[in-house]
């Protein structure tokens, strides 16, 4: 069975990851325009570097939860062809054992050169003084930026994601608000391709009405239960 899973902030919330609060336009008490746009980076690169340094430090203080481990188990189950795409920028799925994962919004532990576009694994702090380790580039903003899809930028690997949605048997959204596009329309793409659809969420999503079935509860409880039901 071909399964496409879309995971969002609700997957990692129980691990203690601070999430973007769309309802008030703030992310960890910062305006999203200031820390999650190209314009914000150009206006105050020092603030943006500091913000993502804090996010990286926070990531080192948390651990994968039972939902992450369940999805890593699902990836290895016989008869299951899993295509997991996440909106999350953390590495908790990988730390739980996931081998195949698409981060459509980028990865916190990677940076990208502003000149040569090389993507570099990066766990330490960055600043306006950081240069690209590949080509040596450095500007007044620094030589590198977080490898994160900011507002107004195109999510990563969309062609692969849409192909998977068009050929899957089951689409499952986990811990998503159903508000953020293009991810919010994935369920409709899957439905148009005659796939079954399932929502696993702590609360009803904005697009809940599009799903064939919904299971409401904490991710650490309902995701392992769902995976167990497929065994």
C-alpha atoms as a PDB file:
ATOM      1  CA  UNK A   1       0.000   0.000   0.000  1.00  0.00           C
ATOM      2  CA  UNK A   2       1.314   3.422  -0.963  1.00  0.00           C
ATOM      3  CA  UNK A   3       0.887   5.896   1.891  1.00  0.00           C
ATOM      4  CA  UNK A   4       1.685   9.602   1.813  1.00  0.00           C
ATOM      5  CA  UNK A   5       2.020  11.163   5.259  1.00  0.00           C
ATOM      6  CA  UNK A   6       2.039  14.915   5.757  1.00  0.00           C
ATOM      7  CA  UNK A   7       3.238  15.863   9.232  1.00  0.00           C
ATOM      8  CA  UNK A   8       3.094  19.284  10.834  1.00  0.00           C
ATOM      9  CA  UNK A   9       3.869  21.068  14.077  1.00  0.00           C
ATOM     10  CA  UNK A  10       1.485  18.875  16.073  1.00  0.00           C
ATOM     11  CA  UNK A  11       3.814  15.920  15.562  1.00  0.00           C
ATOM     12  CA  UNK A  12       6.644  17.589  17.492  1.00  0.00           C
ATOM     13  CA  UNK A  13       4.673  19.781  19.916  1.00  0.00           C
ATOM     14  CA  UNK A  14       4.615  17.118  22.638  1.00  0.00           C
ATOM     15  CA  UNK A  15       8.417  16.963  22.478  1.00  0.00           C
ATOM     16  CA  UNK A  16       8.502  20.615  23.525  1.00  0.00           C
ATOM     17  CA  UNK A  17       9.228  22.280  20.186  1.00  0.00           C
ATOM     18  CA  UNK A  18       7.985  25.867  20.101  1.00  0.00           C
ATOM     19  CA  UNK A  19       5.686  26.288  17.124  1.00  0.00           C
ATOM     20  CA  UNK A  20       4.746  29.216  14.917  1.00  0.00           C
ATOM     21  CA  UNK A  21       1.549  30.772  16.273  1.00  0.00           C
ATOM     22  CA  UNK A  22      -0.377  31.780  13.183  1.00  0.00           C
ATOM     23  CA  UNK A  23      -3.244  33.269  15.199  1.00  0.00           C
ATOM     24  CA  UNK A  24      -1.146  36.151  16.541  1.00  0.00           C
ATOM     25  CA  UNK A  25       1.474  36.418  13.811  1.00  0.00           C
ATOM     26  CA  UNK A  26       4.284  35.640  16.223  1.00  0.00           C
ATOM     27  CA  UNK A  27       6.924  32.896  16.291  1.00  0.00           C
ATOM     28  CA  UNK A  28       8.681  32.616  19.671  1.00  0.00           C
ATOM     29  CA  UNK A  29       7.628  36.223  20.403  1.00  0.00           C
ATOM     30  CA  UNK A  30       8.989  37.595  17.140  1.00  0.00           C
ATOM     31  CA  UNK A  31       7.008  38.939  14.202  1.00  0.00           C
ATOM     32  CA  UNK A  32       7.159  36.388  11.396  1.00  0.00           C
ATOM     33  CA  UNK A  33       7.857  39.259   8.995  1.00  0.00           C
ATOM     34  CA  UNK A  34      11.037  39.986  10.958  1.00  0.00           C
ATOM     35  CA  UNK A  35      12.423  36.450  11.200  1.00  0.00           C
ATOM     36  CA  UNK A  36      10.800  34.414   8.425  1.00  0.00           C
ATOM     37  CA  UNK A  37      11.005  36.545   5.291  1.00  0.00           C
ATOM     38  CA  UNK A  38      13.799  37.567   2.942  1.00  0.00           C
ATOM     39  CA  UNK A  39      12.904  41.193   3.649  1.00  0.00           C
ATOM     40  CA  UNK A  40      13.315  40.657   7.382  1.00  0.00           C
ATOM     41  CA  UNK A  41      16.702  39.020   6.843  1.00  0.00           C
ATOM     42  CA  UNK A  42      17.920  41.870   4.665  1.00  0.00           C
ATOM     43  CA  UNK A  43      16.649  44.474   7.157  1.00  0.00           C
ATOM     44  CA  UNK A  44      18.160  42.899  10.296  1.00  0.00           C
ATOM     45  CA  UNK A  45      20.340  39.874   9.519  1.00  0.00           C
ATOM     46  CA  UNK A  46      21.808  39.841  13.032  1.00  0.00           C
ATOM     47  CA  UNK A  47      18.343  39.318  14.525  1.00  0.00           C
ATOM     48  CA  UNK A  48      17.547  36.492  12.098  1.00  0.00           C
ATOM     49  CA  UNK A  49      20.852  34.725  12.777  1.00  0.00           C
ATOM     50  CA  UNK A  50      20.211  35.061  16.540  1.00  0.00           C
ATOM     51  CA  UNK A  51      16.654  33.752  16.191  1.00  0.00           C
ATOM     52  CA  UNK A  52      17.684  30.559  14.379  1.00  0.00           C
ATOM     53  CA  UNK A  53      20.644  30.052  16.717  1.00  0.00           C
ATOM     54  CA  UNK A  54      18.103  29.937  19.558  1.00  0.00           C
ATOM     55  CA  UNK A  55      15.958  27.443  17.647  1.00  0.00           C
ATOM     56  CA  UNK A  56      18.990  25.165  17.099  1.00  0.00           C
ATOM     57  CA  UNK A  57      19.866  25.297  20.784  1.00  0.00           C
ATOM     58  CA  UNK A  58      16.303  24.424  21.713  1.00  0.00           C
ATOM     59  CA  UNK A  59      16.379  21.453  19.355  1.00  0.00           C
ATOM     60  CA  UNK A  60      19.317  19.979  21.271  1.00  0.00           C
ATOM     61  CA  UNK A  61      17.234  20.018  24.466  1.00  0.00           C
ATOM     62  CA  UNK A  62      14.309  17.922  23.209  1.00  0.00           C
ATOM     63  CA  UNK A  63      13.857  14.284  22.214  1.00  0.00           C
ATOM     64  CA  UNK A  64      11.654  12.391  19.731  1.00  0.00           C
ATOM     65  CA  UNK A  65       8.291  11.296  21.075  1.00  0.00           C
ATOM     66  CA  UNK A  66       6.223   8.142  20.533  1.00  0.00           C
ATOM     67  CA  UNK A  67       4.646   9.556  17.361  1.00  0.00           C
ATOM     68  CA  UNK A  68       8.061  10.065  15.752  1.00  0.00           C
ATOM     69  CA  UNK A  69       9.081   6.513  16.647  1.00  0.00           C
ATOM     70  CA  UNK A  70       5.804   5.136  15.280  1.00  0.00           C
ATOM     71  CA  UNK A  71       6.340   6.795  11.892  1.00  0.00           C
ATOM     72  CA  UNK A  72       9.912   5.492  11.767  1.00  0.00           C
ATOM     73  CA  UNK A  73       8.477   2.014  12.418  1.00  0.00           C
ATOM     74  CA  UNK A  74       5.869   2.488   9.674  1.00  0.00           C
ATOM     75  CA  UNK A  75       8.645   3.229   7.184  1.00  0.00           C
ATOM     76  CA  UNK A  76      10.036  -0.284   7.727  1.00  0.00           C
ATOM     77  CA  UNK A  77       6.771  -2.250   7.781  1.00  0.00           C
ATOM     78  CA  UNK A  78       6.408  -4.953   5.080  1.00  0.00           C
ATOM     79  CA  UNK A  79       3.861  -4.097   2.399  1.00  0.00           C
ATOM     80  CA  UNK A  80       3.997  -0.362   3.153  1.00  0.00           C
ATOM     81  CA  UNK A  81       5.492   2.098   0.672  1.00  0.00           C
ATOM     82  CA  UNK A  82       5.731   5.255   2.786  1.00  0.00           C
ATOM     83  CA  UNK A  83       6.320   8.735   1.397  1.00  0.00           C
ATOM     84  CA  UNK A  84       6.665  11.070   4.384  1.00  0.00           C
ATOM     85  CA  UNK A  85       6.724  14.815   3.799  1.00  0.00           C
ATOM     86  CA  UNK A  86       6.950  17.139   6.789  1.00  0.00           C
ATOM     87  CA  UNK A  87       6.380  20.824   7.316  1.00  0.00           C
ATOM     88  CA  UNK A  88       8.649  20.634  10.358  1.00  0.00           C
ATOM     89  CA  UNK A  89      12.219  21.900  10.297  1.00  0.00           C
ATOM     90  CA  UNK A  90      13.442  19.800  13.239  1.00  0.00           C
ATOM     91  CA  UNK A  91      15.323  16.495  13.027  1.00  0.00           C
ATOM     92  CA  UNK A  92      13.222  14.491  15.488  1.00  0.00           C
ATOM     93  CA  UNK A  93      11.933  12.013  12.891  1.00  0.00           C
ATOM     94  CA  UNK A  94      15.488  11.262  11.806  1.00  0.00           C
ATOM     95  CA  UNK A  95      16.604  10.851  15.417  1.00  0.00           C
ATOM     96  CA  UNK A  96      13.745   8.385  15.888  1.00  0.00           C
ATOM     97  CA  UNK A  97      15.120   6.293  13.017  1.00  0.00           C
ATOM     98  CA  UNK A  98      13.418   7.650   9.888  1.00  0.00           C
ATOM     99  CA  UNK A  99      15.555   7.188   6.780  1.00  0.00           C
ATOM    100  CA  UNK A 100      13.367   8.724   4.062  1.00  0.00           C
ATOM    101  CA  UNK A 101      11.868  12.136   4.780  1.00  0.00           C
ATOM    102  CA  UNK A 102      11.196  15.259   2.718  1.00  0.00           C
ATOM    103  CA  UNK A 103      11.421  18.560   4.603  1.00  0.00           C
ATOM    104  CA  UNK A 104       9.301  20.763   2.379  1.00  0.00           C
ATOM    105  CA  UNK A 105      10.008  23.831   4.530  1.00  0.00           C
ATOM    106  CA  UNK A 106      13.725  23.197   4.974  1.00  0.00           C
ATOM    107  CA  UNK A 107      15.884  22.024   7.852  1.00  0.00           C
ATOM    108  CA  UNK A 108      17.066  23.860  10.928  1.00  0.00           C
ATOM    109  CA  UNK A 109      20.382  22.011  11.029  1.00  0.00           C
ATOM    110  CA  UNK A 110      21.381  23.132   7.537  1.00  0.00           C
ATOM    111  CA  UNK A 111      22.441  26.466   6.058  1.00  0.00           C
ATOM    112  CA  UNK A 112      22.695  27.669   2.470  1.00  0.00           C
ATOM    113  CA  UNK A 113      25.284  29.894   0.815  1.00  0.00           C
ATOM    114  CA  UNK A 114      23.939  33.220  -0.416  1.00  0.00           C
ATOM    115  CA  UNK A 115      26.277  33.069  -3.397  1.00  0.00           C
ATOM    116  CA  UNK A 116      26.905  29.488  -4.578  1.00  0.00           C
ATOM    117  CA  UNK A 117      23.666  28.064  -3.029  1.00  0.00           C
ATOM    118  CA  UNK A 118      25.555  25.110  -1.524  1.00  0.00           C
ATOM    119  CA  UNK A 119      23.585  23.460   1.307  1.00  0.00           C
ATOM    120  CA  UNK A 120      25.759  22.719   4.334  1.00  0.00           C
ATOM    121  CA  UNK A 121      25.082  20.667   7.473  1.00  0.00           C
ATOM    122  CA  UNK A 122      25.261  23.185  10.302  1.00  0.00           C
ATOM    123  CA  UNK A 123      24.732  22.688  14.059  1.00  0.00           C
ATOM    124  CA  UNK A 124      26.651  25.648  15.523  1.00  0.00           C
ATOM    125  CA  UNK A 125      25.711  29.324  15.704  1.00  0.00           C
ATOM    126  CA  UNK A 126      25.788  31.609  12.673  1.00  0.00           C
ATOM    127  CA  UNK A 127      26.241  35.383  12.487  1.00  0.00           C
ATOM    128  CA  UNK A 128      26.794  38.213  10.037  1.00  0.00           C
ATOM    129  CA  UNK A 129      30.458  37.236  10.242  1.00  0.00           C
ATOM    130  CA  UNK A 130      29.907  33.646   9.052  1.00  0.00           C
ATOM    131  CA  UNK A 131      31.283  32.900   5.593  1.00  0.00           C
ATOM    132  CA  UNK A 132      30.424  30.012   3.284  1.00  0.00           C
ATOM    133  CA  UNK A 133      32.816  27.115   4.008  1.00  0.00           C
ATOM    134  CA  UNK A 134      32.570  25.999   0.375  1.00  0.00           C
ATOM    135  CA  UNK A 135      33.269  29.168  -1.613  1.00  0.00           C
ATOM    136  CA  UNK A 136      34.281  31.652   1.080  1.00  0.00           C
ATOM    137  CA  UNK A 137      31.535  34.153   0.257  1.00  0.00           C
ATOM    138  CA  UNK A 138      30.579  36.727   2.891  1.00  0.00           C
ATOM    139  CA  UNK A 139      28.394  39.830   2.717  1.00  0.00           C
ATOM    140  CA  UNK A 140      27.021  42.302   5.246  1.00  0.00           C
ATOM    141  CA  UNK A 141      24.355  39.692   6.033  1.00  0.00           C
ATOM    142  CA  UNK A 142      27.001  36.992   6.361  1.00  0.00           C
ATOM    143  CA  UNK A 143      27.757  34.386   3.733  1.00  0.00           C
ATOM    144  CA  UNK A 144      25.034  31.947   4.665  1.00  0.00           C
ATOM    145  CA  UNK A 145      21.358  31.909   5.602  1.00  0.00           C
ATOM    146  CA  UNK A 146      19.185  29.304   7.321  1.00  0.00           C
ATOM    147  CA  UNK A 147      18.101  26.541   4.925  1.00  0.00           C
ATOM    148  CA  UNK A 148      14.485  27.398   5.701  1.00  0.00           C
ATOM    149  CA  UNK A 149      11.610  28.177   3.350  1.00  0.00           C
ATOM    150  CA  UNK A 150      10.489  31.631   4.394  1.00  0.00           C
ATOM    151  CA  UNK A 151       7.136  33.223   3.615  1.00  0.00           C
ATOM    152  CA  UNK A 152       6.958  34.096  -0.056  1.00  0.00           C
ATOM    153  CA  UNK A 153       9.384  31.323  -1.067  1.00  0.00           C
ATOM    154  CA  UNK A 154       8.520  28.074  -2.846  1.00  0.00           C
ATOM    155  CA  UNK A 155       8.477  24.902  -0.701  1.00  0.00           C
ATOM    156  CA  UNK A 156      11.037  22.274  -1.624  1.00  0.00           C
ATOM    157  CA  UNK A 157      10.613  19.229  -3.895  1.00  0.00           C
ATOM    158  CA  UNK A 158       7.014  20.029  -4.812  1.00  0.00           C
ATOM    159  CA  UNK A 159       7.125  18.043  -8.066  1.00  0.00           C
ATOM    160  CA  UNK A 160       8.041  14.856  -6.177  1.00  0.00           C
ATOM    161  CA  UNK A 161       5.377  15.500  -3.568  1.00  0.00           C
ATOM    162  CA  UNK A 162       2.606  16.037  -6.111  1.00  0.00           C
ATOM    163  CA  UNK A 163       3.573  12.878  -8.026  1.00  0.00           C
ATOM    164  CA  UNK A 164       3.404  10.870  -4.810  1.00  0.00           C
ATOM    165  CA  UNK A 165      -0.007  12.327  -3.949  1.00  0.00           C
ATOM    166  CA  UNK A 166      -1.334  11.432  -7.391  1.00  0.00           C
ATOM    167  CA  UNK A 167      -0.333   7.776  -7.060  1.00  0.00           C
ATOM    168  CA  UNK A 168      -0.980   6.963  -3.387  1.00  0.00           C
ATOM    169  CA  UNK A 169      -3.626   4.680  -1.916  1.00  0.00           C
ATOM    170  CA  UNK A 170      -3.905   6.574   1.371  1.00  0.00           C
ATOM    171  CA  UNK A 171      -3.123  10.166   2.381  1.00  0.00           C
ATOM    172  CA  UNK A 172      -2.685  10.882   6.093  1.00  0.00           C
ATOM    173  CA  UNK A 173      -2.226  14.342   7.630  1.00  0.00           C
ATOM    174  CA  UNK A 174      -0.799  14.435  11.149  1.00  0.00           C
ATOM    175  CA  UNK A 175      -0.649  17.481  13.402  1.00  0.00           C
ATOM    176  CA  UNK A 176      -1.504  20.069  10.773  1.00  0.00           C
ATOM    177  CA  UNK A 177      -3.675  23.178  10.915  1.00  0.00           C
ATOM    178  CA  UNK A 178      -5.002  22.843   7.378  1.00  0.00           C
ATOM    179  CA  UNK A 179      -4.331  26.561   6.887  1.00  0.00           C
ATOM    180  CA  UNK A 180      -0.879  26.708   5.305  1.00  0.00           C
ATOM    181  CA  UNK A 181      -0.688  26.348   1.537  1.00  0.00           C
ATOM    182  CA  UNK A 182       0.338  24.515  -0.541  1.00  0.00           C
ATOM    183  CA  UNK A 183       0.258  21.725   2.082  1.00  0.00           C
ATOM    184  CA  UNK A 184      -3.399  22.407   2.896  1.00  0.00           C
ATOM    185  CA  UNK A 185      -4.405  21.335  -0.618  1.00  0.00           C
ATOM    186  CA  UNK A 186      -2.557  17.992  -0.527  1.00  0.00           C
ATOM    187  CA  UNK A 187      -5.704  16.232   0.690  1.00  0.00           C
ATOM    188  CA  UNK A 188      -7.645  17.447  -2.351  1.00  0.00           C
ATOM    189  CA  UNK A 189      -4.915  16.273  -4.738  1.00  0.00           C
ATOM    190  CA  UNK A 190      -5.043  12.833  -3.121  1.00  0.00           C
ATOM    191  CA  UNK A 191      -8.848  12.722  -3.232  1.00  0.00           C
ATOM    192  CA  UNK A 192      -8.847  13.662  -6.898  1.00  0.00           C
ATOM    193  CA  UNK A 193      -6.565  10.660  -7.449  1.00  0.00           C
ATOM    194  CA  UNK A 194      -9.141   8.422  -5.672  1.00  0.00           C
ATOM    195  CA  UNK A 195      -6.987   7.870  -2.561  1.00  0.00           C
ATOM    196  CA  UNK A 196      -8.508   7.403   0.875  1.00  0.00           C
ATOM    197  CA  UNK A 197      -7.791  10.229   3.315  1.00  0.00           C
ATOM    198  CA  UNK A 198      -7.294  10.326   7.083  1.00  0.00           C
ATOM    199  CA  UNK A 199      -6.650  13.171   9.541  1.00  0.00           C
ATOM    200  CA  UNK A 200      -4.834  12.508  12.840  1.00  0.00           C
ATOM    201  CA  UNK A 201      -4.960  15.738  14.825  1.00  0.00           C
ATOM    202  CA  UNK A 202      -5.244  17.130  18.328  1.00  0.00           C
ATOM    203  CA  UNK A 203      -8.031  19.428  17.111  1.00  0.00           C
ATOM    204  CA  UNK A 204     -10.105  19.564  13.924  1.00  0.00           C
ATOM    205  CA  UNK A 205      -8.159  21.179  11.070  1.00  0.00           C
ATOM    206  CA  UNK A 206      -9.499  24.009   8.953  1.00  0.00           C
ATOM    207  CA  UNK A 207      -9.833  21.560   6.048  1.00  0.00           C
ATOM    208  CA  UNK A 208     -11.192  18.646   8.122  1.00  0.00           C
ATOM    209  CA  UNK A 209     -14.284  18.446   5.942  1.00  0.00           C
ATOM    210  CA  UNK A 210     -12.167  17.184   3.043  1.00  0.00           C
ATOM    211  CA  UNK A 211     -11.014  14.032   4.854  1.00  0.00           C
ATOM    212  CA  UNK A 212     -12.841  10.712   4.716  1.00  0.00           C
ATOM    213  CA  UNK A 213     -12.075  10.050   8.380  1.00  0.00           C
ATOM    214  CA  UNK A 214     -10.614  11.914  11.351  1.00  0.00           C
ATOM    215  CA  UNK A 215      -9.151  10.730  14.639  1.00  0.00           C
ATOM    216  CA  UNK A 216      -8.812  13.458  17.267  1.00  0.00           C
ATOM    217  CA  UNK A 217      -6.295  13.191  20.104  1.00  0.00           C
ATOM    218  CA  UNK A 218      -2.682  13.664  21.131  1.00  0.00           C
ATOM    219  CA  UNK A 219      -0.194  12.586  18.470  1.00  0.00           C
ATOM    220  CA  UNK A 220       1.747  10.460  20.956  1.00  0.00           C
ATOM    221  CA  UNK A 221      -1.378   8.346  21.456  1.00  0.00           C
ATOM    222  CA  UNK A 222      -3.241   8.233  18.156  1.00  0.00           C
ATOM    223  CA  UNK A 223      -0.277   7.933  15.765  1.00  0.00           C
ATOM    224  CA  UNK A 224       1.167   4.773  17.419  1.00  0.00           C
ATOM    225  CA  UNK A 225      -2.358   3.306  17.563  1.00  0.00           C
ATOM    226  CA  UNK A 226      -2.902   3.946  13.872  1.00  0.00           C
ATOM    227  CA  UNK A 227       0.469   2.466  12.899  1.00  0.00           C
ATOM    228  CA  UNK A 228      -0.250  -0.596  15.033  1.00  0.00           C
ATOM    229  CA  UNK A 229      -3.573  -1.063  13.198  1.00  0.00           C
ATOM    230  CA  UNK A 230      -1.671  -1.434   9.908  1.00  0.00           C
ATOM    231  CA  UNK A 231       0.539  -4.279  11.118  1.00  0.00           C
END
